Amino acid sequence: MAEQWIGRTHFDQLARKYDCYRMLDEAPVDYIIRAINRTDQSICDLGCGTGRYLIALIKAFQASGVVVKAAHGVDTSDGMLKTTKLEGDIHHPSINWVLASSDRTGLPSQSISLVTAFNSIHHLPIPETLAEVERILLPNGFFAIYTRLLEQESEHIWGQWFPRYSEYSQVPTREVMSNLFEHHEYIRLVSAQDFTFERKVSFTWICEQTENKYYSTLGRYPQQEFETAYSAFVENIKSNYEYLDKITYPSNYSIFLYQLAS
């Protein structure tokens, strides 16, 4: 199968309405807040997109009494960063929005206590990104990755009913995430947690999200195959959900927390 590369142009085009069609899950943010015991934080969010998770994380830390000394949102999409600046600057005017790749952030070595990647790890160059994370982390610093796993793809509505969705997906397997730093002597996996969310949406919302490819997996289909699969998907939804204005389906994700040794 020829891979359709999903790059910055795809996300530039989605930026303006991205937050309308992608949900923000509070549970992984709360998990990070509970798991990391520090009185202050310096944060770097890789593949930050519109900054929605970075902003939520800052708010949550501040609400728990933690001082956020510095916050950096790193992304290769100029459109995403431009979209988020107004919202981000209102809530935390000192956020540093960085137009850069995850393997070349330009941040100083040993300057970050928490690196995060929310729903972005499958877009990043993994070996180079891991080396960069190890470089910028402070001793005892953490790296949190929130992602859907390949084993979880078949359980949500697109994985169930959109033909070949799991085949086109680039999200990692649980084994990959569990052994992500196996060749890095000083970083280890300290905890992992699975989450299940019950989504409640309308048929119109699902169609709009699918047509506009707000899940990047959909952007990997050749256009003719996408159109054929989309028609089948619509019929599958109509056939398997009685109330199209109140569709409910499970959405599963996992978070992995790694720590750099002192």
Protein backbone atom coordinates (compact mmCIF):
# COMPACT_ATOMS: atom_id res chain seq x y z
CA MET A 1 0.00 0.00 0.00
CA ALA A 2 1.46 3.35 -1.01
CA GLU A 3 1.53 5.73 1.94
CA GLN A 4 -0.05 9.15 1.56
CA TRP A 5 2.19 11.51 3.56
CA ILE A 6 0.37 13.86 5.90
CA GLY A 7 2.31 17.08 6.32
CA ARG A 8 2.01 20.67 7.39
CA THR A 9 -0.18 21.67 4.42
CA HIS A 10 -2.90 19.27 5.58
CA PHE A 11 -2.92 20.78 9.07
CA ASP A 12 -2.65 24.35 7.79
CA GLN A 13 -5.89 23.76 5.91
CA LEU A 14 -7.65 22.30 8.97
CA ALA A 15 -6.40 24.86 11.48
CA ARG A 16 -9.28 27.34 11.54
CA LYS A 17 -11.95 24.79 12.51
CA TYR A 18 -9.74 22.12 14.06
CA ASP A 19 -10.94 22.60 17.62
CA CYS A 20 -14.58 22.35 16.52
CA TYR A 21 -14.08 18.78 15.35
CA ARG A 22 -11.44 17.36 17.70
CA MET A 23 -12.36 16.76 21.32
CA LEU A 24 -10.19 17.67 24.29
CA ASP A 25 -10.03 14.93 26.93
CA GLU A 26 -9.49 16.21 30.46
CA ALA A 27 -8.63 12.80 31.94
CA PRO A 28 -5.02 12.60 30.61
CA VAL A 29 -4.38 16.17 31.76
CA ASP A 30 -5.61 15.26 35.27
CA TYR A 31 -3.47 12.12 35.15
CA ILE A 32 -0.32 14.15 34.47
CA ILE A 33 -1.13 16.64 37.24
CA ARG A 34 -1.54 13.81 39.78
CA ALA A 35 1.50 11.84 38.60
CA ILE A 36 4.08 14.63 38.70
CA ASN A 37 4.96 16.12 42.06
CA ARG A 38 6.75 19.45 41.53
CA THR A 39 6.16 22.97 42.78
CA ASP A 40 7.05 24.45 39.39
CA GLN A 41 7.05 23.31 35.78
CA SER A 42 8.63 24.22 32.48
CA ILE A 43 6.63 22.58 29.68
CA CYS A 44 7.25 21.76 26.04
CA ASP A 45 4.34 20.35 23.99
CA LEU A 46 5.48 18.65 20.77
CA GLY A 47 3.05 18.74 17.85
CA CYS A 48 0.99 21.21 19.85
CA GLY A 49 -1.41 22.04 17.01
CA THR A 50 -3.77 24.78 18.16
CA GLY A 51 -2.32 24.55 21.67
CA ARG A 52 -5.53 23.29 23.26
CA TYR A 53 -3.85 20.63 25.42
CA LEU A 54 -0.95 22.89 26.37
CA ILE A 55 -3.37 25.60 27.51
CA ALA A 56 -5.47 23.04 29.43
CA LEU A 57 -2.33 21.68 31.11
CA ILE A 58 -1.17 25.14 32.16
CA LYS A 59 -4.59 25.94 33.62
CA ALA A 60 -4.67 22.64 35.52
CA PHE A 61 -1.19 23.10 36.97
CA GLN A 62 -1.98 26.64 38.04
CA ALA A 63 -5.26 25.53 39.64
CA SER A 64 -3.31 22.97 41.69
CA GLY A 65 -0.84 25.60 42.92
CA VAL A 66 2.03 24.70 40.58
CA VAL A 67 3.96 27.59 39.06
CA VAL A 68 4.40 27.31 35.29
CA LYS A 69 7.72 29.06 34.73
CA ALA A 70 7.86 28.53 30.98
CA ALA A 71 5.67 26.95 28.30
CA HIS A 72 6.60 26.16 24.70
CA GLY A 73 4.26 24.92 21.97
CA VAL A 74 6.19 23.33 19.09
CA ASP A 75 4.64 22.54 15.71
CA THR A 76 5.58 22.54 12.03
CA SER A 77 2.20 23.97 10.97
CA ASP A 78 2.24 27.74 10.79
CA GLY A 79 -1.53 27.71 10.32
CA MET A 80 -2.08 25.86 13.59
CA LEU A 81 0.20 28.19 15.52
CA LYS A 82 -1.41 31.31 14.06
CA THR A 83 -4.84 29.96 14.98
CA THR A 84 -3.89 29.38 18.60
CA LYS A 85 -2.03 32.58 19.38
CA LEU A 86 -5.06 34.70 20.24
CA GLU A 87 -6.56 32.08 22.56
CA GLY A 88 -3.20 31.14 24.06
CA ASP A 89 -2.06 34.67 24.66
CA ILE A 90 -5.25 35.43 26.59
CA HIS A 91 -4.72 32.58 29.05
CA HIS A 92 -0.93 32.54 29.26
CA PRO A 93 0.70 35.41 27.41
CA SER A 94 4.20 34.08 27.93
CA ILE A 95 3.64 30.89 25.93
CA ASN A 96 6.43 30.57 23.37
CA TRP A 97 4.96 29.31 20.10
CA VAL A 98 7.77 27.66 18.14
CA LEU A 99 7.55 26.91 14.43
CA ALA A 100 9.92 23.94 14.39
CA SER A 101 10.08 20.17 14.17
CA SER A 102 10.06 17.94 17.23
CA ASP A 103 13.64 16.83 16.62
CA ARG A 104 15.00 20.38 16.36
CA THR A 105 13.09 22.47 18.87
CA GLY A 106 15.89 24.99 19.38
CA LEU A 107 15.28 24.91 23.14
CA PRO A 108 18.26 24.91 25.53
CA SER A 109 19.57 21.61 26.83
CA GLN A 110 18.24 20.53 30.23
CA SER A 111 15.65 23.32 30.34
CA ILE A 112 12.32 21.43 30.43
CA SER A 113 10.76 19.52 33.32
CA LEU A 114 7.84 18.12 31.29
CA VAL A 115 7.64 17.27 27.59
CA THR A 116 4.26 16.24 26.21
CA ALA A 117 2.87 14.90 22.95
CA PHE A 118 -0.93 14.77 22.74
CA ASN A 119 -2.22 12.81 19.74
CA SER A 120 0.88 13.70 17.76
CA ILE A 121 3.48 10.98 18.29
CA HIS A 122 2.56 9.20 15.04
CA HIS A 123 3.41 12.37 13.08
CA LEU A 124 6.88 12.80 14.61
CA PRO A 125 10.25 11.36 13.50
CA ILE A 126 10.60 8.95 16.42
CA PRO A 127 14.36 8.26 16.87
CA GLU A 128 15.31 11.90 16.35
CA THR A 129 12.48 13.16 18.58
CA LEU A 130 13.46 10.84 21.42
CA ALA A 131 17.03 12.10 21.24
CA GLU A 132 15.78 15.69 21.36
CA VAL A 133 13.53 14.93 24.34
CA GLU A 134 16.46 13.42 26.20
CA ARG A 135 18.52 16.52 25.39
CA ILE A 136 16.04 19.16 26.58
CA LEU A 137 14.75 17.35 29.68
CA LEU A 138 15.99 18.28 33.12
CA PRO A 139 17.25 15.44 35.35
CA ASN A 140 14.18 13.62 36.74
CA GLY A 141 12.07 15.31 34.04
CA PHE A 142 9.06 13.58 32.47
CA PHE A 143 7.84 12.82 28.95
CA ALA A 144 4.09 12.16 28.62
CA ILE A 145 2.62 10.71 25.42
CA TYR A 146 -1.15 10.55 24.92
CA THR A 147 -2.19 8.50 21.90
CA ARG A 148 -4.64 6.08 20.46
CA LEU A 149 -2.99 2.67 20.03
CA LEU A 150 -3.30 0.55 16.91
CA GLU A 151 -5.05 -2.10 18.98
CA GLN A 152 -7.69 0.51 19.87
CA GLU A 153 -8.38 1.70 16.32
CA SER A 154 -10.92 -1.01 15.53
CA GLU A 155 -12.98 -0.08 18.59
CA HIS A 156 -14.06 3.43 17.62
CA ILE A 157 -16.57 4.41 14.98
CA TRP A 158 -14.18 4.96 12.05
CA GLY A 159 -12.22 1.81 12.84
CA GLN A 160 -15.44 -0.17 12.92
CA TRP A 161 -17.25 1.21 9.91
CA PHE A 162 -14.81 3.05 7.59
CA PRO A 163 -13.26 0.44 5.25
CA ARG A 164 -9.53 -0.24 5.80
CA TYR A 165 -9.19 2.51 8.40
CA SER A 166 -6.88 0.50 10.66
CA GLU A 167 -4.70 -0.41 7.69
CA TYR A 168 -4.08 3.26 6.90
CA SER A 169 -3.57 4.24 10.53
CA GLN A 170 -0.03 5.16 11.63
CA VAL A 171 -0.61 5.17 15.40
CA PRO A 172 1.80 3.01 17.44
CA THR A 173 1.15 -0.37 19.00
CA ARG A 174 1.20 -0.95 22.74
CA GLU A 175 4.44 -2.91 22.39
CA VAL A 176 6.14 0.01 20.62
CA MET A 177 5.06 2.45 23.34
CA SER A 178 6.10 0.11 26.14
CA ASN A 179 9.58 -0.23 24.66
CA LEU A 180 9.94 3.24 23.20
CA PHE A 181 13.15 4.08 25.05
CA GLU A 182 14.71 0.61 25.06
CA HIS A 183 17.87 1.99 23.45
CA HIS A 184 18.05 5.01 25.77
CA GLU A 185 19.82 4.07 28.97
CA TYR A 186 18.62 6.98 31.08
CA ILE A 187 14.87 7.13 30.30
CA ARG A 188 12.37 4.56 31.55
CA LEU A 189 8.63 3.99 31.44
CA VAL A 190 7.21 4.72 34.89
CA SER A 191 3.45 4.37 34.32
CA ALA A 192 0.72 3.84 31.72
CA GLN A 193 -3.04 4.23 31.80
CA ASP A 194 -5.88 3.40 29.40
CA PHE A 195 -8.93 5.62 29.00
CA THR A 196 -12.36 4.99 27.49
CA PHE A 197 -14.64 7.89 26.61
CA GLU A 198 -18.23 7.70 25.50
CA ARG A 199 -18.70 10.09 22.60
CA LYS A 200 -22.15 11.47 21.82
CA VAL A 201 -22.41 13.12 18.41
CA SER A 202 -24.76 13.66 15.50
CA PHE A 203 -24.67 12.06 12.08
CA THR A 204 -24.09 15.52 10.56
CA TRP A 205 -21.07 16.12 12.83
CA ILE A 206 -19.54 12.75 11.90
CA CYS A 207 -20.02 13.41 8.19
CA GLU A 208 -18.45 16.86 8.39
CA GLN A 209 -15.48 15.56 10.38
CA THR A 210 -14.99 12.73 7.90
CA GLU A 211 -15.43 14.75 4.71
CA ASN A 212 -12.90 17.31 5.92
CA LYS A 213 -10.49 14.59 7.15
CA TYR A 214 -10.05 15.89 10.69
CA TYR A 215 -8.52 12.51 11.49
CA SER A 216 -5.28 12.47 9.56
CA THR A 217 -5.67 8.75 8.79
CA LEU A 218 -8.43 9.73 6.37
CA GLY A 219 -5.95 11.94 4.53
CA ARG A 220 -3.79 8.93 3.70
CA TYR A 221 -6.38 7.40 1.37
CA PRO A 222 -6.01 7.97 -2.36
CA GLN A 223 -8.94 10.24 -3.24
CA GLN A 224 -10.91 7.71 -5.29
CA GLU A 225 -10.60 5.05 -2.58
CA PHE A 226 -11.59 7.62 0.06
CA GLU A 227 -14.76 8.52 -1.82
CA THR A 228 -15.74 4.85 -2.17
CA ALA A 229 -14.94 4.14 1.48
CA TYR A 230 -16.81 7.25 2.62
CA SER A 231 -19.97 6.13 0.81
CA ALA A 232 -19.72 2.73 2.50
CA PHE A 233 -19.10 4.43 5.85
CA VAL A 234 -22.26 6.55 5.54
CA GLU A 235 -24.35 3.47 4.75
CA ASN A 236 -22.77 1.56 7.64
CA ILE A 237 -23.64 4.36 10.07
CA LYS A 238 -27.22 4.57 8.82
CA SER A 239 -27.60 0.81 9.11
CA ASN A 240 -26.11 0.41 12.59
CA TYR A 241 -27.39 3.43 14.54
CA GLU A 242 -31.08 3.89 15.11
CA TYR A 243 -31.01 7.54 16.20
CA LEU A 244 -28.76 9.48 13.85
CA ASP A 245 -29.04 12.69 15.86
CA LYS A 246 -27.75 10.91 18.97
CA ILE A 247 -24.95 8.54 17.97
CA THR A 248 -22.93 7.08 20.86
CA TYR A 249 -19.65 5.24 20.47
CA PRO A 250 -16.57 4.37 22.62
CA SER A 251 -13.26 6.12 22.05
CA ASN A 252 -10.16 4.57 23.61
CA TYR A 253 -6.76 6.14 24.25
CA SER A 254 -3.69 5.53 26.40
CA ILE A 255 -1.11 7.68 28.14
CA PHE A 256 2.51 6.65 28.73
CA LEU A 257 4.71 8.48 31.23
CA TYR A 258 8.50 8.24 30.98
CA GLN A 259 11.15 9.74 33.26
CA LEU A 260 14.75 10.76 32.74
CA ALA A 261 17.12 9.59 35.46
CA SER A 262 18.80 12.13 37.73
